[in-house]
């Protein structure tokens, strides 16, 4: 191929960047708005109820935000490598780059950043997404990358994860991502049910639903780890090798699942051992005492009036006999 303006003709002059995913930002904004609303009405709660109520709101919103957000994050498994590699096909020019691999439930992100960013009269800064969910076509995304003329390191890593690759990891990640997402949606539903049961309040069943939420989240992690433990083809860039490990979403899911597990077990145990302390946390005892106090006050006898105290009592033997005559 011949050069045209210093580059090969099938490579565009402007770098193609993957657009910013606003789904996580929208979800976090919604939950922060809900938290702000609850904080506004917080001064209207009396006494020690305020602290317990705020603690329950914070824990509930945190669990719900995590379960919903990790559905769309792309850092369940991440890895970085710094290497000297060729930048374009049919070119022997080498560039020093930092290449990152970010695996999510619905696809993979491949990041390429030059070190420094400006090399070969170009700005090397790419972040490309290749979807592999059941409603997406990974091969089509890969072919579009070829047509756009993405750099060779990105295409090399994307080819390793394709269904046509002899590595055979595409099918495992795709199936695991689908079922992990399904279990997390079920965990979100059980979280909603637990919130409804706690507000009724049915504390024992609410704790059971929270425990089920924890079980679903922890099982989703076990299911995802099966894809990572499959044998993989090495991703080599000369002497450097790209290796991945569990990312932030994985550890956040693990921490939230353990938190739900402890809360669910604690509620169930307190409900059977010391239900009065559990009612104290959910502000059920004070409400009952207030109702009983109001009930007792409503039925207390009123202060006797002066007219009732001034009634004249006459003995029976002093009553006069009265005779009635017919007119």
Protein backbone atom coordinates (compact mmCIF):
# COMPACT_ATOMS: atom_id res chain seq x y z
CA UNK A 1 0.00 0.00 0.00
CA UNK A 2 1.17 3.55 -0.73
CA UNK A 3 1.24 6.37 1.81
CA UNK A 4 -1.19 9.26 1.62
CA UNK A 5 -0.45 12.33 3.77
CA UNK A 6 1.90 10.32 5.97
CA UNK A 7 -0.52 7.47 6.75
CA UNK A 8 -2.00 4.47 5.07
CA UNK A 9 -5.21 5.26 3.16
CA UNK A 10 -7.46 2.93 5.15
CA UNK A 11 -6.60 4.63 8.46
CA UNK A 12 -8.65 7.73 9.27
CA UNK A 13 -6.83 10.81 10.42
CA UNK A 14 -8.96 11.34 13.55
CA UNK A 15 -8.83 8.89 16.43
CA UNK A 16 -12.09 7.17 17.27
CA UNK A 17 -12.90 7.27 20.98
CA UNK A 18 -15.56 5.22 22.66
CA UNK A 19 -18.34 7.47 23.95
CA UNK A 20 -18.75 7.94 27.72
CA UNK A 21 -21.25 5.53 29.25
CA UNK A 22 -23.67 7.61 31.30
CA UNK A 23 -25.76 4.72 32.65
CA UNK A 24 -23.82 4.45 35.90
CA UNK A 25 -23.85 8.22 36.38
CA UNK A 26 -27.63 8.33 35.90
CA UNK A 27 -28.21 5.53 38.43
CA UNK A 28 -25.96 7.17 41.02
CA UNK A 29 -27.67 10.53 40.45
CA UNK A 30 -31.10 8.98 41.06
CA UNK A 31 -30.04 7.36 44.32
CA UNK A 32 -28.30 10.55 45.49
CA UNK A 33 -31.50 12.48 44.78
CA UNK A 34 -33.44 9.98 46.89
CA UNK A 35 -30.88 10.34 49.68
CA UNK A 36 -31.17 14.13 49.54
CA UNK A 37 -34.96 13.83 49.82
CA UNK A 38 -34.68 11.62 52.90
CA UNK A 39 -32.18 14.00 54.50
CA UNK A 40 -34.60 16.91 54.00
CA UNK A 41 -37.34 15.12 55.95
CA UNK A 42 -34.88 13.87 58.60
CA UNK A 43 -35.44 16.81 61.03
CA UNK A 44 -39.10 15.82 61.29
CA UNK A 45 -38.21 12.57 63.05
CA UNK A 46 -38.03 12.80 66.84
CA UNK A 47 -35.41 11.61 69.29
CA UNK A 48 -33.35 8.49 68.83
CA UNK A 49 -35.58 7.34 65.98
CA UNK A 50 -33.64 9.74 63.74
CA UNK A 51 -30.31 7.90 63.98
CA UNK A 52 -31.77 4.42 63.36
CA UNK A 53 -33.93 5.71 60.51
CA UNK A 54 -30.97 7.41 58.80
CA UNK A 55 -28.82 4.28 59.18
CA UNK A 56 -31.51 2.11 57.57
CA UNK A 57 -31.93 4.55 54.69
CA UNK A 58 -28.19 4.73 54.00
CA UNK A 59 -27.76 0.95 54.00
CA UNK A 60 -30.82 0.38 51.83
CA UNK A 61 -29.83 2.97 49.22
CA UNK A 62 -26.21 1.77 49.17
CA UNK A 63 -27.19 -1.86 48.50
CA UNK A 64 -29.71 -0.90 45.83
CA UNK A 65 -27.29 1.44 44.05
CA UNK A 66 -24.52 -1.17 44.02
CA UNK A 67 -26.72 -4.02 42.77
CA UNK A 68 -28.09 -1.87 39.96
CA UNK A 69 -24.87 -0.12 38.94
CA UNK A 70 -22.62 -3.19 38.66
CA UNK A 71 -24.89 -4.46 35.91
CA UNK A 72 -23.39 -1.88 33.57
CA UNK A 73 -19.81 -1.50 34.82
CA UNK A 74 -16.92 -2.77 32.71
CA UNK A 75 -14.27 -3.53 35.29
CA UNK A 76 -15.19 -6.97 36.59
CA UNK A 77 -11.79 -8.10 35.33
CA UNK A 78 -8.97 -5.73 34.41
CA UNK A 79 -5.37 -5.84 33.30
CA UNK A 80 -2.65 -3.45 32.09
CA UNK A 81 0.64 -3.87 30.28
CA UNK A 82 3.32 -1.46 29.05
CA UNK A 83 5.00 -2.56 25.85
CA UNK A 84 6.81 -1.48 22.70
CA UNK A 85 4.64 -2.61 19.78
CA UNK A 86 3.73 -1.72 16.23
CA UNK A 87 1.01 0.87 15.90
CA UNK A 88 -0.35 0.09 12.42
CA UNK A 89 -0.43 -2.85 10.10
CA UNK A 90 2.21 -3.00 7.35
CA UNK A 91 4.41 -0.66 9.39
CA UNK A 92 7.59 -1.46 11.32
CA UNK A 93 7.43 1.73 13.42
CA UNK A 94 7.22 0.94 17.15
CA UNK A 95 5.46 2.96 19.83
CA UNK A 96 5.55 2.73 23.59
CA UNK A 97 2.00 2.33 24.88
CA UNK A 98 -0.03 1.36 27.94
CA UNK A 99 -2.67 -1.16 26.93
CA UNK A 100 -5.57 -2.02 29.22
CA UNK A 101 -8.18 -4.76 29.08
CA UNK A 102 -11.46 -4.23 30.97
CA UNK A 103 -13.97 -7.08 30.94
CA UNK A 104 -17.60 -6.53 31.90
CA UNK A 105 -20.77 -8.58 31.83
CA UNK A 106 -21.90 -7.31 28.43
CA UNK A 107 -18.59 -6.86 26.64
CA UNK A 108 -14.98 -5.80 26.81
CA UNK A 109 -13.21 -2.45 26.69
CA UNK A 110 -9.71 -2.18 25.24
CA UNK A 111 -7.76 0.94 26.13
CA UNK A 112 -4.64 2.14 24.32
CA UNK A 113 -2.74 5.20 25.57
CA UNK A 114 0.61 6.29 24.23
CA UNK A 115 3.54 6.91 26.54
CA UNK A 116 3.80 9.81 25.74
CA UNK A 117 0.42 10.39 24.12
CA UNK A 118 1.80 12.14 21.02
CA UNK A 119 3.91 9.76 18.94
CA UNK A 120 4.43 9.37 15.19
CA UNK A 121 2.70 12.73 14.69
CA UNK A 122 -0.51 11.27 16.13
CA UNK A 123 -2.42 11.33 19.39
CA UNK A 124 -2.58 7.77 20.69
CA UNK A 125 -5.59 7.61 23.02
CA UNK A 126 -8.25 4.97 22.34
CA UNK A 127 -10.96 3.26 24.36
CA UNK A 128 -12.95 0.81 22.25
CA UNK A 129 -15.89 -1.34 23.35
CA UNK A 130 -16.76 -4.73 21.86
CA UNK A 131 -20.11 -6.12 23.03
CA UNK A 132 -20.76 -9.85 23.44
CA UNK A 133 -24.17 -9.94 25.11
CA UNK A 134 -26.86 -12.16 23.60
CA UNK A 135 -28.45 -9.22 21.75
CA UNK A 136 -25.10 -7.98 20.34
CA UNK A 137 -22.80 -9.20 17.57
CA UNK A 138 -19.17 -9.29 18.62
CA UNK A 139 -17.94 -10.21 15.15
CA UNK A 140 -19.76 -7.23 13.67
CA UNK A 141 -18.09 -4.91 16.19
CA UNK A 142 -14.73 -6.42 15.34
CA UNK A 143 -15.30 -5.99 11.60
CA UNK A 144 -16.27 -2.36 12.19
CA UNK A 145 -12.99 -1.91 14.03
CA UNK A 146 -11.16 -3.27 10.99
CA UNK A 147 -13.02 -0.87 8.71
CA UNK A 148 -12.23 2.11 10.95
CA UNK A 149 -8.59 1.11 10.95
CA UNK A 150 -8.08 0.74 14.68
CA UNK A 151 -4.49 0.32 15.87
CA UNK A 152 -2.98 -3.15 15.68
CA UNK A 153 -2.71 -3.73 19.47
CA UNK A 154 -6.47 -3.19 19.91
CA UNK A 155 -7.35 -5.50 17.02
CA UNK A 156 -4.90 -8.11 18.28
CA UNK A 157 -6.51 -8.26 21.74
CA UNK A 158 -10.03 -8.16 20.29
CA UNK A 159 -9.19 -11.06 18.00
CA UNK A 160 -7.97 -13.10 20.97
CA UNK A 161 -11.41 -12.71 22.57
CA UNK A 162 -13.47 -13.39 19.43
CA UNK A 163 -15.50 -16.52 18.83
CA UNK A 164 -13.21 -17.51 15.95
CA UNK A 165 -10.12 -17.46 18.16
CA UNK A 166 -8.59 -20.82 19.16
CA UNK A 167 -8.43 -19.51 22.73
CA UNK A 168 -12.11 -20.39 23.19
CA UNK A 169 -12.83 -17.87 25.94
CA UNK A 170 -15.52 -15.92 24.08
CA UNK A 171 -18.28 -18.44 24.76
CA UNK A 172 -17.41 -18.76 28.47
CA UNK A 173 -17.41 -15.02 29.07
CA UNK A 174 -20.60 -14.52 27.10
CA UNK A 175 -22.58 -17.22 28.93
CA UNK A 176 -21.21 -16.29 32.34
CA UNK A 177 -21.94 -12.62 31.79
CA UNK A 178 -25.53 -13.41 30.81
CA UNK A 179 -26.30 -15.55 33.87
CA UNK A 180 -24.43 -13.27 36.28
CA UNK A 181 -26.54 -10.38 35.01
CA UNK A 182 -29.69 -12.47 35.48
CA UNK A 183 -28.77 -13.31 39.08
CA UNK A 184 -28.04 -9.68 39.83
CA UNK A 185 -31.44 -8.62 38.48
CA UNK A 186 -33.00 -11.22 40.77
CA UNK A 187 -30.96 -9.80 43.66
CA UNK A 188 -32.31 -6.33 42.86
CA UNK A 189 -35.88 -7.68 42.97
CA UNK A 190 -35.32 -9.41 46.32
CA UNK A 191 -33.81 -6.16 47.65
CA UNK A 192 -36.99 -4.29 46.66
CA UNK A 193 -39.14 -6.94 48.34
CA UNK A 194 -37.08 -6.68 51.53
CA UNK A 195 -37.60 -2.91 51.59
CA UNK A 196 -41.37 -3.41 51.28
CA UNK A 197 -41.42 -6.04 54.02
CA UNK A 198 -39.40 -3.85 56.40
CA UNK A 199 -41.82 -0.96 55.84
CA UNK A 200 -44.93 -3.05 56.63
CA UNK A 201 -43.19 -4.09 59.02
CA UNK A 202 -42.58 -7.85 58.69
CA UNK A 203 -39.03 -8.07 60.01
CA UNK A 204 -38.46 -11.83 59.80
CA UNK A 205 -39.44 -12.11 56.13
CA UNK A 206 -37.60 -8.89 55.34
CA UNK A 207 -34.42 -10.36 56.80
CA UNK A 208 -34.97 -13.54 54.80
CA UNK A 209 -35.24 -11.55 51.56
CA UNK A 210 -32.09 -9.64 52.44
CA UNK A 211 -30.34 -12.94 53.06
CA UNK A 212 -31.52 -14.19 49.68
CA UNK A 213 -30.13 -11.03 48.09
CA UNK A 214 -26.73 -11.81 49.59
CA UNK A 215 -26.85 -15.42 48.37
CA UNK A 216 -27.65 -14.34 44.80
CA UNK A 217 -24.81 -11.81 44.76
CA UNK A 218 -22.26 -14.27 46.11
CA UNK A 219 -23.34 -16.99 43.69
CA UNK A 220 -22.98 -14.53 40.80
CA UNK A 221 -19.34 -14.04 41.81
CA UNK A 222 -18.74 -17.78 41.87
CA UNK A 223 -20.31 -18.08 38.43
CA UNK A 224 -18.16 -15.28 37.02
CA UNK A 225 -15.00 -16.81 38.46
CA UNK A 226 -15.59 -19.98 36.42
CA UNK A 227 -15.01 -17.99 33.21
CA UNK A 228 -11.80 -16.48 34.52
CA UNK A 229 -10.43 -19.85 35.61
CA UNK A 230 -10.68 -21.32 32.11
CA UNK A 231 -7.36 -21.81 30.26
CA UNK A 232 -6.45 -18.69 28.27
CA UNK A 233 -4.19 -17.96 25.37
CA UNK A 234 -1.29 -15.65 26.30
CA UNK A 235 -1.60 -12.08 25.06
CA UNK A 236 2.02 -11.24 24.28
CA UNK A 237 3.57 -7.97 23.15
CA UNK A 238 7.15 -9.03 22.70
CA UNK A 239 8.54 -9.95 26.13
CA UNK A 240 5.62 -8.28 27.92
CA UNK A 241 2.43 -10.23 28.68
CA UNK A 242 -1.03 -8.86 29.42
CA UNK A 243 -2.42 -10.45 32.59
CA UNK A 244 -5.78 -9.70 34.16
CA UNK A 245 -7.18 -9.87 37.68
CA UNK A 246 -10.46 -9.22 39.45
CA UNK A 247 -11.55 -5.61 39.08
CA UNK A 248 -13.32 -3.08 41.26
CA UNK A 249 -16.85 -4.26 40.43
CA UNK A 250 -16.01 -7.79 41.55
CA UNK A 251 -14.70 -6.67 44.94
CA UNK A 252 -17.54 -4.18 45.42
CA UNK A 253 -20.07 -6.95 44.74
CA UNK A 254 -18.28 -9.22 47.20
CA UNK A 255 -18.28 -6.56 49.94
CA UNK A 256 -21.96 -5.72 49.39
CA UNK A 257 -22.94 -9.39 49.35
CA UNK A 258 -21.15 -10.01 52.65
CA UNK A 259 -22.81 -6.91 54.13
CA UNK A 260 -26.27 -8.17 53.11
CA UNK A 261 -25.39 -11.60 54.51
CA UNK A 262 -24.44 -10.16 57.91
CA UNK A 263 -27.50 -7.89 58.03
CA UNK A 264 -29.90 -10.68 57.03
CA UNK A 265 -28.46 -13.14 59.56
CA UNK A 266 -28.42 -10.47 62.26
CA UNK A 267 -32.10 -9.61 61.72
CA UNK A 268 -33.17 -13.27 61.74
CA UNK A 269 -31.15 -14.07 64.89
CA UNK A 270 -32.33 -10.98 66.78
CA UNK A 271 -35.92 -11.68 65.81
CA UNK A 272 -35.74 -15.09 67.49
CA UNK A 273 -33.46 -14.24 70.44
CA UNK A 274 -34.13 -10.62 71.37
CA UNK A 275 -37.07 -9.25 69.39
CA UNK A 276 -37.37 -6.17 71.61
CA UNK A 277 -33.93 -4.91 70.56
CA UNK A 278 -34.82 -5.52 66.92
CA UNK A 279 -38.01 -3.48 67.38
CA UNK A 280 -35.89 -0.75 68.93
CA UNK A 281 -33.74 -0.57 65.76
CA UNK A 282 -36.83 -0.36 63.55
CA UNK A 283 -38.53 2.15 65.92
CA UNK A 284 -41.48 -0.10 66.61
CA UNK A 285 -41.43 0.01 70.42
CA UNK A 286 -41.63 3.80 70.73
CA UNK A 287 -44.55 3.99 68.37
CA UNK A 288 -46.38 1.37 70.39
CA UNK A 289 -45.67 3.21 73.65
CA UNK A 290 -46.96 6.48 72.18
CA UNK A 291 -50.16 4.80 71.03
CA UNK A 292 -50.69 3.18 74.44
CA UNK A 293 -50.05 6.50 76.17
CA UNK A 294 -52.55 8.31 73.96
CA UNK A 295 -55.06 5.49 74.47
CA UNK A 296 -54.71 5.67 78.24
CA UNK A 297 -55.04 9.44 78.29
CA UNK A 298 -58.17 9.35 76.17
CA UNK A 299 -59.90 7.08 78.68
CA UNK A 300 -58.85 8.84 81.91
CA UNK A 301 -61.80 10.31 83.86
CA UNK A 302 -62.11 14.02 83.53
CA UNK A 303 -61.93 16.37 86.51
CA UNK A 304 -65.25 16.38 88.27
CA UNK A 305 -67.23 19.57 87.77
CA UNK A 306 -68.43 21.84 90.53
CA UNK A 307 -72.05 20.96 89.80
CA UNK A 308 -71.36 17.31 90.46
CA UNK A 309 -69.65 18.10 93.77
CA UNK A 310 -72.56 20.29 94.99
CA UNK A 311 -75.21 17.57 94.73
CA UNK A 312 -77.23 17.36 97.95
CA UNK A 313 -77.56 13.83 99.35
CA UNK A 314 -80.79 13.26 101.36
CA UNK A 315 -81.30 10.18 103.59
CA UNK A 316 -84.13 7.86 102.66
CA UNK A 317 -85.87 8.13 106.04
CA UNK A 318 -86.24 11.90 105.66
CA UNK A 319 -88.07 11.70 102.39
CA UNK A 320 -91.61 13.01 102.66
CA UNK A 321 -94.54 10.95 101.57
CA UNK A 322 -96.38 12.57 98.76
CA UNK A 323 -99.96 11.76 97.90
CA UNK A 324 -101.43 12.44 94.54
CA UNK A 325 -105.12 13.49 94.09
CA UNK A 326 -107.00 13.11 90.87
CA UNK A 327 -108.34 16.38 89.50
